[in-house]
Amino acid sequence: NSLSHVVNAQGNTEAFGQALFHGFVYPFEVTSLLIIVALLGAMVLGRKA
């Protein structure tokens, strides 16, 4: 796994952030979008109840 290799090699939070935002940009963006959609859906369902 490339992420664990980078984090273990440098062993700091900055290395994890660099790997996350440079190596996994699209999966991170898709996950963020799904979380936003889920929050909006929860708000809509909460108002109807």
C-alpha atoms as a PDB file:
ATOM      1  CA  ASN A   1       0.000   0.000   0.000  1.00  0.00           C
ATOM      2  CA  SER A   2       1.592   3.257  -1.089  1.00  0.00           C
ATOM      3  CA  LEU A   3      -0.036   5.341   1.660  1.00  0.00           C
ATOM      4  CA  SER A   4       1.265   3.214   4.525  1.00  0.00           C
ATOM      5  CA  HIS A   5       4.704   3.128   2.900  1.00  0.00           C
ATOM      6  CA  VAL A   6       4.897   6.939   2.804  1.00  0.00           C
ATOM      7  CA  VAL A   7       3.610   7.382   6.354  1.00  0.00           C
ATOM      8  CA  ASN A   8       5.940   4.716   7.768  1.00  0.00           C
ATOM      9  CA  ALA A   9       8.931   6.143   5.910  1.00  0.00           C
ATOM     10  CA  GLN A  10       8.493   9.702   7.183  1.00  0.00           C
ATOM     11  CA  GLY A  11       6.314   9.053  10.223  1.00  0.00           C
ATOM     12  CA  ASN A  12       4.569  12.401  10.537  1.00  0.00           C
ATOM     13  CA  THR A  13       1.268  14.093   9.891  1.00  0.00           C
ATOM     14  CA  GLU A  14       2.638  16.146   7.025  1.00  0.00           C
ATOM     15  CA  ALA A  15       3.569  12.996   5.104  1.00  0.00           C
ATOM     16  CA  PHE A  16       0.054  11.652   5.589  1.00  0.00           C
ATOM     17  CA  GLY A  17      -1.464  14.913   4.344  1.00  0.00           C
ATOM     18  CA  GLN A  18       0.823  15.012   1.325  1.00  0.00           C
ATOM     19  CA  ALA A  19      -0.062  11.435   0.409  1.00  0.00           C
ATOM     20  CA  LEU A  20      -3.772  12.057   0.911  1.00  0.00           C
ATOM     21  CA  PHE A  21      -4.020  15.285  -1.065  1.00  0.00           C
ATOM     22  CA  HIS A  22      -1.517  14.459  -3.803  1.00  0.00           C
ATOM     23  CA  GLY A  23      -1.871  10.717  -4.265  1.00  0.00           C
ATOM     24  CA  PHE A  24      -5.575  10.265  -3.572  1.00  0.00           C
ATOM     25  CA  VAL A  25      -7.150  13.502  -4.804  1.00  0.00           C
ATOM     26  CA  TYR A  26     -10.123  12.032  -6.670  1.00  0.00           C
ATOM     27  CA  PRO A  27     -11.127   9.433  -4.057  1.00  0.00           C
ATOM     28  CA  PHE A  28     -10.880  12.154  -1.395  1.00  0.00           C
ATOM     29  CA  GLU A  29     -13.085  14.500  -3.435  1.00  0.00           C
ATOM     30  CA  VAL A  30     -15.664  11.777  -4.131  1.00  0.00           C
ATOM     31  CA  THR A  31     -15.794  10.882  -0.444  1.00  0.00           C
ATOM     32  CA  SER A  32     -16.233  14.543   0.484  1.00  0.00           C
ATOM     33  CA  LEU A  33     -19.069  14.905  -2.011  1.00  0.00           C
ATOM     34  CA  LEU A  34     -20.811  11.795  -0.662  1.00  0.00           C
ATOM     35  CA  ILE A  35     -20.567  13.112   2.897  1.00  0.00           C
ATOM     36  CA  ILE A  36     -22.057  16.461   1.856  1.00  0.00           C
ATOM     37  CA  VAL A  37     -24.924  14.748   0.024  1.00  0.00           C
ATOM     38  CA  ALA A  38     -25.583  12.533   3.058  1.00  0.00           C
ATOM     39  CA  LEU A  39     -25.660  15.562   5.366  1.00  0.00           C
ATOM     40  CA  LEU A  40     -28.060  17.407   3.075  1.00  0.00           C
ATOM     41  CA  GLY A  41     -30.275  14.326   2.886  1.00  0.00           C
ATOM     42  CA  ALA A  42     -30.297  14.016   6.670  1.00  0.00           C
ATOM     43  CA  MET A  43     -31.284  17.675   6.975  1.00  0.00           C
ATOM     44  CA  VAL A  44     -34.146  17.251   4.506  1.00  0.00           C
ATOM     45  CA  LEU A  45     -35.397  14.116   6.239  1.00  0.00           C
ATOM     46  CA  GLY A  46     -35.066  15.795   9.636  1.00  0.00           C
ATOM     47  CA  ARG A  47     -37.246  18.714   8.588  1.00  0.00           C
ATOM     48  CA  LYS A  48     -40.016  16.414   7.353  1.00  0.00           C
ATOM     49  CA  ALA A  49     -40.160  14.457  10.609  1.00  0.00           C
END
